[in-house]
Amino acid sequence: MNKKKQTKNMLMDMTIEEQLLKIQEIAAELENGSLGLEEALAKYEEGVRLVRGCAGQIEKRITVIETETEDEL
């Protein structure tokens, strides 16, 4: 399974709150400066995927809320 599919599956299993906590954890690890270059790049890549996935989920939920609200008017 490639990384994109793994990340997509992981995102589907995590709540937005869990994703945000993981993003914070990754940011703390990167700020610490104790990771090697390869590990830091891998963590950065994971963080970017989480941020994009989280943003996508939030956008979808906002669209649903807006649609439901418009239907009520």
PDB file of N, CA and C in Angstrom:
ATOM      1  N   MET A   1       0.858  -1.182   0.000  1.00  0.00           N
ATOM      2  CA  MET A   1       0.000   0.000   0.000  1.00  0.00           C
ATOM      3  C   MET A   1       0.899   1.238   0.000  1.00  0.00           C
ATOM      4  N   ASN A   2       0.593   2.186  -0.872  1.00  0.00           N
ATOM      5  CA  ASN A   2       1.438   3.370  -0.939  1.00  0.00           C
ATOM      6  C   ASN A   2       1.111   4.343   0.194  1.00  0.00           C
ATOM      7  N   LYS A   3       1.952   5.360   0.341  1.00  0.00           N
ATOM      8  CA  LYS A   3       1.816   6.297   1.468  1.00  0.00           C
ATOM      9  C   LYS A   3       0.512   7.083   1.419  1.00  0.00           C
ATOM     10  N   LYS A   4       0.062   7.453   0.216  1.00  0.00           N
ATOM     11  CA  LYS A   4      -1.173   8.224   0.109  1.00  0.00           C
ATOM     12  C   LYS A   4      -2.362   7.411   0.614  1.00  0.00           C
ATOM     13  N   LYS A   5      -2.419   6.129   0.243  1.00  0.00           N
ATOM     14  CA  LYS A   5      -3.515   5.273   0.699  1.00  0.00           C
ATOM     15  C   LYS A   5      -3.416   5.036   2.203  1.00  0.00           C
ATOM     16  N   GLN A   6      -2.206   4.842   2.707  1.00  0.00           N
ATOM     17  CA  GLN A   6      -2.013   4.651   4.139  1.00  0.00           C
ATOM     18  C   GLN A   6      -2.482   5.882   4.900  1.00  0.00           C
ATOM     19  N   THR A   7      -2.121   7.057   4.422  1.00  0.00           N
ATOM     20  CA  THR A   7      -2.509   8.293   5.084  1.00  0.00           C
ATOM     21  C   THR A   7      -4.015   8.472   5.022  1.00  0.00           C
ATOM     22  N   LYS A   8      -4.615   8.196   3.870  1.00  0.00           N
ATOM     23  CA  LYS A   8      -6.060   8.324   3.732  1.00  0.00           C
ATOM     24  C   LYS A   8      -6.771   7.391   4.706  1.00  0.00           C
ATOM     25  N   ASN A   9      -6.300   6.147   4.809  1.00  0.00           N
ATOM     26  CA  ASN A   9      -6.895   5.205   5.751  1.00  0.00           C
ATOM     27  C   ASN A   9      -6.711   5.671   7.190  1.00  0.00           C
ATOM     28  N   MET A  10      -5.535   6.203   7.487  1.00  0.00           N
ATOM     29  CA  MET A  10      -5.256   6.690   8.831  1.00  0.00           C
ATOM     30  C   MET A  10      -6.174   7.862   9.174  1.00  0.00           C
ATOM     31  N   LEU A  11      -6.355   8.787   8.227  1.00  0.00           N
ATOM     32  CA  LEU A  11      -7.206   9.945   8.458  1.00  0.00           C
ATOM     33  C   LEU A  11      -8.651   9.536   8.688  1.00  0.00           C
ATOM     34  N   MET A  12      -9.094   8.507   7.986  1.00  0.00           N
ATOM     35  CA  MET A  12     -10.470   8.059   8.135  1.00  0.00           C
ATOM     36  C   MET A  12     -10.718   7.492   9.529  1.00  0.00           C
ATOM     37  N   ASP A  13      -9.676   6.959  10.148  1.00  0.00           N
ATOM     38  CA  ASP A  13      -9.800   6.364  11.478  1.00  0.00           C
ATOM     39  C   ASP A  13      -9.619   7.375  12.600  1.00  0.00           C
ATOM     40  N   MET A  14      -9.200   8.597  12.277  1.00  0.00           N
ATOM     41  CA  MET A  14      -8.909   9.601  13.302  1.00  0.00           C
ATOM     42  C   MET A  14      -9.945  10.721  13.266  1.00  0.00           C
ATOM     43  N   THR A  15     -10.305  11.202  14.450  1.00  0.00           N
ATOM     44  CA  THR A  15     -11.160  12.382  14.511  1.00  0.00           C
ATOM     45  C   THR A  15     -10.311  13.608  14.189  1.00  0.00           C
ATOM     46  N   ILE A  16     -10.976  14.716  13.920  1.00  0.00           N
ATOM     47  CA  ILE A  16     -10.246  15.959  13.653  1.00  0.00           C
ATOM     48  C   ILE A  16      -9.390  16.323  14.858  1.00  0.00           C
ATOM     49  N   GLU A  17      -9.938  16.138  16.045  1.00  0.00           N
ATOM     50  CA  GLU A  17      -9.184  16.455  17.260  1.00  0.00           C
ATOM     51  C   GLU A  17      -7.931  15.590  17.380  1.00  0.00           C
ATOM     52  N   GLU A  18      -8.064  14.298  17.057  1.00  0.00           N
ATOM     53  CA  GLU A  18      -6.910  13.396  17.110  1.00  0.00           C
ATOM     54  C   GLU A  18      -5.856  13.804  16.083  1.00  0.00           C
ATOM     55  N   GLN A  19      -6.316  14.227  14.905  1.00  0.00           N
ATOM     56  CA  GLN A  19      -5.387  14.681  13.880  1.00  0.00           C
ATOM     57  C   GLN A  19      -4.635  15.924  14.343  1.00  0.00           C
ATOM     58  N   LEU A  20      -5.355  16.858  14.954  1.00  0.00           N
ATOM     59  CA  LEU A  20      -4.706  18.082  15.443  1.00  0.00           C
ATOM     60  C   LEU A  20      -3.678  17.768  16.530  1.00  0.00           C
ATOM     61  N   LEU A  21      -4.007  16.827  17.410  1.00  0.00           N
ATOM     62  CA  LEU A  21      -3.048  16.431  18.444  1.00  0.00           C
ATOM     63  C   LEU A  21      -1.796  15.812  17.820  1.00  0.00           C
ATOM     64  N   LYS A  22      -1.991  14.984  16.797  1.00  0.00           N
ATOM     65  CA  LYS A  22      -0.848  14.370  16.115  1.00  0.00           C
ATOM     66  C   LYS A  22       0.003  15.428  15.422  1.00  0.00           C
ATOM     67  N   ILE A  23      -0.646  16.429  14.819  1.00  0.00           N
ATOM     68  CA  ILE A  23       0.083  17.522  14.175  1.00  0.00           C
ATOM     69  C   ILE A  23       0.913  18.270  15.216  1.00  0.00           C
ATOM     70  N   GLN A  24       0.340  18.527  16.380  1.00  0.00           N
ATOM     71  CA  GLN A  24       1.073  19.211  17.451  1.00  0.00           C
ATOM     72  C   GLN A  24       2.257  18.369  17.919  1.00  0.00           C
ATOM     73  N   GLU A  25       2.049  17.068  18.011  1.00  0.00           N
ATOM     74  CA  GLU A  25       3.118  16.163  18.428  1.00  0.00           C
ATOM     75  C   GLU A  25       4.276  16.199  17.421  1.00  0.00           C
ATOM     76  N   ILE A  26       3.943  16.152  16.157  1.00  0.00           N
ATOM     77  CA  ILE A  26       4.968  16.199  15.099  1.00  0.00           C
ATOM     78  C   ILE A  26       5.707  17.534  15.142  1.00  0.00           C
ATOM     79  N   ALA A  27       4.962  18.625  15.296  1.00  0.00           N
ATOM     80  CA  ALA A  27       5.596  19.950  15.361  1.00  0.00           C
ATOM     81  C   ALA A  27       6.574  20.026  16.530  1.00  0.00           C
ATOM     82  N   ALA A  28       6.191  19.476  17.673  1.00  0.00           N
ATOM     83  CA  ALA A  28       7.078  19.489  18.845  1.00  0.00           C
ATOM     84  C   ALA A  28       8.344  18.687  18.576  1.00  0.00           C
ATOM     85  N   GLU A  29       8.196  17.537  17.921  1.00  0.00           N
ATOM     86  CA  GLU A  29       9.363  16.720  17.590  1.00  0.00           C
ATOM     87  C   GLU A  29      10.305  17.466  16.654  1.00  0.00           C
ATOM     88  N   LEU A  30       9.726  18.142  15.665  1.00  0.00           N
ATOM     89  CA  LEU A  30      10.549  18.888  14.709  1.00  0.00           C
ATOM     90  C   LEU A  30      11.227  20.078  15.373  1.00  0.00           C
ATOM     91  N   GLU A  31      10.515  20.756  16.266  1.00  0.00           N
ATOM     92  CA  GLU A  31      11.093  21.911  16.965  1.00  0.00           C
ATOM     93  C   GLU A  31      12.204  21.492  17.914  1.00  0.00           C
ATOM     94  N   ASN A  32      12.110  20.292  18.448  1.00  0.00           N
ATOM     95  CA  ASN A  32      13.110  19.781  19.382  1.00  0.00           C
ATOM     96  C   ASN A  32      14.489  19.720  18.735  1.00  0.00           C
ATOM     97  N   GLY A  33      14.521  19.398  17.449  1.00  0.00           N
ATOM     98  CA  GLY A  33      15.796  19.378  16.733  1.00  0.00           C
ATOM     99  C   GLY A  33      16.623  18.127  16.937  1.00  0.00           C
ATOM    100  N   SER A  34      16.067  17.113  17.580  1.00  0.00           N
ATOM    101  CA  SER A  34      16.856  15.917  17.864  1.00  0.00           C
ATOM    102  C   SER A  34      16.726  14.829  16.796  1.00  0.00           C
ATOM    103  N   LEU A  35      15.877  15.062  15.804  1.00  0.00           N
ATOM    104  CA  LEU A  35      15.690  14.070  14.743  1.00  0.00           C
ATOM    105  C   LEU A  35      16.766  14.225  13.677  1.00  0.00           C
ATOM    106  N   GLY A  36      17.112  13.110  13.066  1.00  0.00           N
ATOM    107  CA  GLY A  36      18.012  13.154  11.915  1.00  0.00           C
ATOM    108  C   GLY A  36      17.256  13.722  10.721  1.00  0.00           C
ATOM    109  N   LEU A  37      17.993  14.048   9.687  1.00  0.00           N
ATOM    110  CA  LEU A  37      17.404  14.686   8.515  1.00  0.00           C
ATOM    111  C   LEU A  37      16.314  13.830   7.883  1.00  0.00           C
ATOM    112  N   GLU A  38      16.568  12.566   7.640  1.00  0.00           N
ATOM    113  CA  GLU A  38      15.583  11.684   7.006  1.00  0.00           C
ATOM    114  C   GLU A  38      14.336  11.547   7.861  1.00  0.00           C
ATOM    115  N   GLU A  39      14.524  11.362   9.147  1.00  0.00           N
ATOM    116  CA  GLU A  39      13.382  11.227  10.055  1.00  0.00           C
ATOM    117  C   GLU A  39      12.592  12.535  10.138  1.00  0.00           C
ATOM    118  N   ALA A  40      13.295  13.646  10.168  1.00  0.00           N
ATOM    119  CA  ALA A  40      12.633  14.949  10.213  1.00  0.00           C
ATOM    120  C   ALA A  40      11.816  15.189   8.943  1.00  0.00           C
ATOM    121  N   LEU A  41      12.374  14.829   7.797  1.00  0.00           N
ATOM    122  CA  LEU A  41      11.645  14.982   6.534  1.00  0.00           C
ATOM    123  C   LEU A  41      10.405  14.089   6.497  1.00  0.00           C
ATOM    124  N   ALA A  42      10.535  12.867   7.004  1.00  0.00           N
ATOM    125  CA  ALA A  42       9.396  11.949   7.051  1.00  0.00           C
ATOM    126  C   ALA A  42       8.302  12.494   7.970  1.00  0.00           C
ATOM    127  N   LYS A  43       8.706  13.030   9.115  1.00  0.00           N
ATOM    128  CA  LYS A  43       7.743  13.620  10.053  1.00  0.00           C
ATOM    129  C   LYS A  43       7.072  14.842   9.432  1.00  0.00           C
ATOM    130  N   TYR A  44       7.843  15.665   8.753  1.00  0.00           N
ATOM    131  CA  TYR A  44       7.301  16.850   8.085  1.00  0.00           C
ATOM    132  C   TYR A  44       6.262  16.435   7.046  1.00  0.00           C
ATOM    133  N   GLU A  45       6.618  15.437   6.250  1.00  0.00           N
ATOM    134  CA  GLU A  45       5.699  14.939   5.219  1.00  0.00           C
ATOM    135  C   GLU A  45       4.409  14.411   5.854  1.00  0.00           C
ATOM    136  N   GLU A  46       4.528  13.673   6.926  1.00  0.00           N
ATOM    137  CA  GLU A  46       3.352  13.168   7.638  1.00  0.00           C
ATOM    138  C   GLU A  46       2.503  14.329   8.148  1.00  0.00           C
ATOM    139  N   GLY A  47       3.154  15.331   8.689  1.00  0.00           N
ATOM    140  CA  GLY A  47       2.441  16.503   9.194  1.00  0.00           C
ATOM    141  C   GLY A  47       1.693  17.241   8.100  1.00  0.00           C
ATOM    142  N   VAL A  48       2.328  17.402   6.956  1.00  0.00           N
ATOM    143  CA  VAL A  48       1.679  18.078   5.822  1.00  0.00           C
ATOM    144  C   VAL A  48       0.448  17.291   5.385  1.00  0.00           C
ATOM    145  N   ARG A  49       0.567  15.979   5.301  1.00  0.00           N
ATOM    146  CA  ARG A  49      -0.579  15.155   4.912  1.00  0.00           C
ATOM    147  C   ARG A  49      -1.712  15.277   5.932  1.00  0.00           C
ATOM    148  N   LEU A  50      -1.353  15.291   7.206  1.00  0.00           N
ATOM    149  CA  LEU A  50      -2.375  15.440   8.247  1.00  0.00           C
ATOM    150  C   LEU A  50      -3.069  16.794   8.150  1.00  0.00           C
ATOM    151  N   VAL A  51      -2.298  17.842   7.958  1.00  0.00           N
ATOM    152  CA  VAL A  51      -2.876  19.189   7.852  1.00  0.00           C
ATOM    153  C   VAL A  51      -3.826  19.257   6.652  1.00  0.00           C
ATOM    154  N   ARG A  52      -3.399  18.748   5.523  1.00  0.00           N
ATOM    155  CA  ARG A  52      -4.251  18.782   4.321  1.00  0.00           C
ATOM    156  C   ARG A  52      -5.508  17.944   4.512  1.00  0.00           C
ATOM    157  N   GLY A  53      -5.347  16.776   5.088  1.00  0.00           N
ATOM    158  CA  GLY A  53      -6.499  15.905   5.319  1.00  0.00           C
ATOM    159  C   GLY A  53      -7.475  16.511   6.302  1.00  0.00           C
ATOM    160  N   CYS A  54      -6.939  17.084   7.356  1.00  0.00           N
ATOM    161  CA  CYS A  54      -7.764  17.727   8.378  1.00  0.00           C
ATOM    162  C   CYS A  54      -8.512  18.914   7.768  1.00  0.00           C
ATOM    163  N   ALA A  55      -7.823  19.713   7.013  1.00  0.00           N
ATOM    164  CA  ALA A  55      -8.456  20.871   6.372  1.00  0.00           C
ATOM    165  C   ALA A  55      -9.564  20.418   5.422  1.00  0.00           C
ATOM    166  N   GLY A  56      -9.327  19.342   4.699  1.00  0.00           N
ATOM    167  CA  GLY A  56     -10.328  18.816   3.787  1.00  0.00           C
ATOM    168  C   GLY A  56     -11.569  18.342   4.521  1.00  0.00           C
ATOM    169  N   GLN A  57     -11.374  17.666   5.638  1.00  0.00           N
ATOM    170  CA  GLN A  57     -12.510  17.197   6.438  1.00  0.00           C
ATOM    171  C   GLN A  57     -13.311  18.373   6.986  1.00  0.00           C
ATOM    172  N   ILE A  58     -12.619  19.375   7.451  1.00  0.00           N
ATOM    173  CA  ILE A  58     -13.296  20.554   7.989  1.00  0.00           C
ATOM    174  C   ILE A  58     -14.083  21.260   6.892  1.00  0.00           C
ATOM    175  N   GLU A  59     -13.482  21.410   5.718  1.00  0.00           N
ATOM    176  CA  GLU A  59     -14.183  22.053   4.602  1.00  0.00           C
ATOM    177  C   GLU A  59     -15.448  21.283   4.224  1.00  0.00           C
ATOM    178  N   LYS A  60     -15.367  19.955   4.205  1.00  0.00           N
ATOM    179  CA  LYS A  60     -16.536  19.140   3.885  1.00  0.00           C
ATOM    180  C   LYS A  60     -17.641  19.332   4.921  1.00  0.00           C
ATOM    181  N   ARG A  61     -17.259  19.357   6.183  1.00  0.00           N
ATOM    182  CA  ARG A  61     -18.263  19.545   7.238  1.00  0.00           C
ATOM    183  C   ARG A  61     -18.903  20.916   7.148  1.00  0.00           C
ATOM    184  N   ILE A  62     -18.125  21.941   6.856  1.00  0.00           N
ATOM    185  CA  ILE A  62     -18.672  23.295   6.709  1.00  0.00           C
ATOM    186  C   ILE A  62     -19.647  23.341   5.536  1.00  0.00           C
ATOM    187  N   THR A  63     -19.301  22.688   4.433  1.00  0.00           N
ATOM    188  CA  THR A  63     -20.186  22.646   3.269  1.00  0.00           C
ATOM    189  C   THR A  63     -21.512  21.974   3.633  1.00  0.00           C
ATOM    190  N   VAL A  64     -21.454  20.883   4.378  1.00  0.00           N
ATOM    191  CA  VAL A  64     -22.674  20.195   4.802  1.00  0.00           C
ATOM    192  C   VAL A  64     -23.514  21.101   5.685  1.00  0.00           C
ATOM    193  N   ILE A  65     -22.877  21.773   6.625  1.00  0.00           N
ATOM    194  CA  ILE A  65     -23.595  22.674   7.526  1.00  0.00           C
ATOM    195  C   ILE A  65     -24.243  23.808   6.741  1.00  0.00           C
ATOM    196  N   GLU A  66     -23.501  24.394   5.824  1.00  0.00           N
ATOM    197  CA  GLU A  66     -24.038  25.493   5.015  1.00  0.00           C
ATOM    198  C   GLU A  66     -25.211  25.018   4.158  1.00  0.00           C
ATOM    199  N   THR A  67     -25.085  23.845   3.581  1.00  0.00           N
ATOM    200  CA  THR A  67     -26.153  23.288   2.747  1.00  0.00           C
ATOM    201  C   THR A  67     -27.412  23.032   3.578  1.00  0.00           C
ATOM    202  N   GLU A  68     -27.227  22.444   4.757  1.00  0.00           N
ATOM    203  CA  GLU A  68     -28.366  22.172   5.629  1.00  0.00           C
ATOM    204  C   GLU A  68     -29.037  23.454   6.071  1.00  0.00           C
ATOM    205  N   THR A  69     -28.235  24.470   6.364  1.00  0.00           N
ATOM    206  CA  THR A  69     -28.773  25.755   6.794  1.00  0.00           C
ATOM    207  C   THR A  69     -29.552  26.414   5.666  1.00  0.00           C
ATOM    208  N   GLU A  70     -29.034  26.356   4.452  1.00  0.00           N
ATOM    209  CA  GLU A  70     -29.715  26.944   3.298  1.00  0.00           C
ATOM    210  C   GLU A  70     -31.041  26.227   3.034  1.00  0.00           C
ATOM    211  N   ASP A  71     -31.075  24.921   3.238  1.00  0.00           N
ATOM    212  CA  ASP A  71     -32.287  24.144   3.013  1.00  0.00           C
ATOM    213  C   ASP A  71     -33.380  24.516   4.021  1.00  0.00           C
ATOM    214  N   GLU A  72     -32.978  24.958   5.198  1.00  0.00           N
ATOM    215  CA  GLU A  72     -33.919  25.318   6.238  1.00  0.00           C
ATOM    216  C   GLU A  72     -34.564  26.677   5.977  1.00  0.00           C
ATOM    217  N   LEU A  73     -33.926  27.503   5.180  1.00  0.00           N
ATOM    218  CA  LEU A  73     -34.460  28.851   4.906  1.00  0.00           C
ATOM    219  C   LEU A  73     -35.577  28.842   3.938  1.00  0.00           C
TER     220      LEU A  73
END
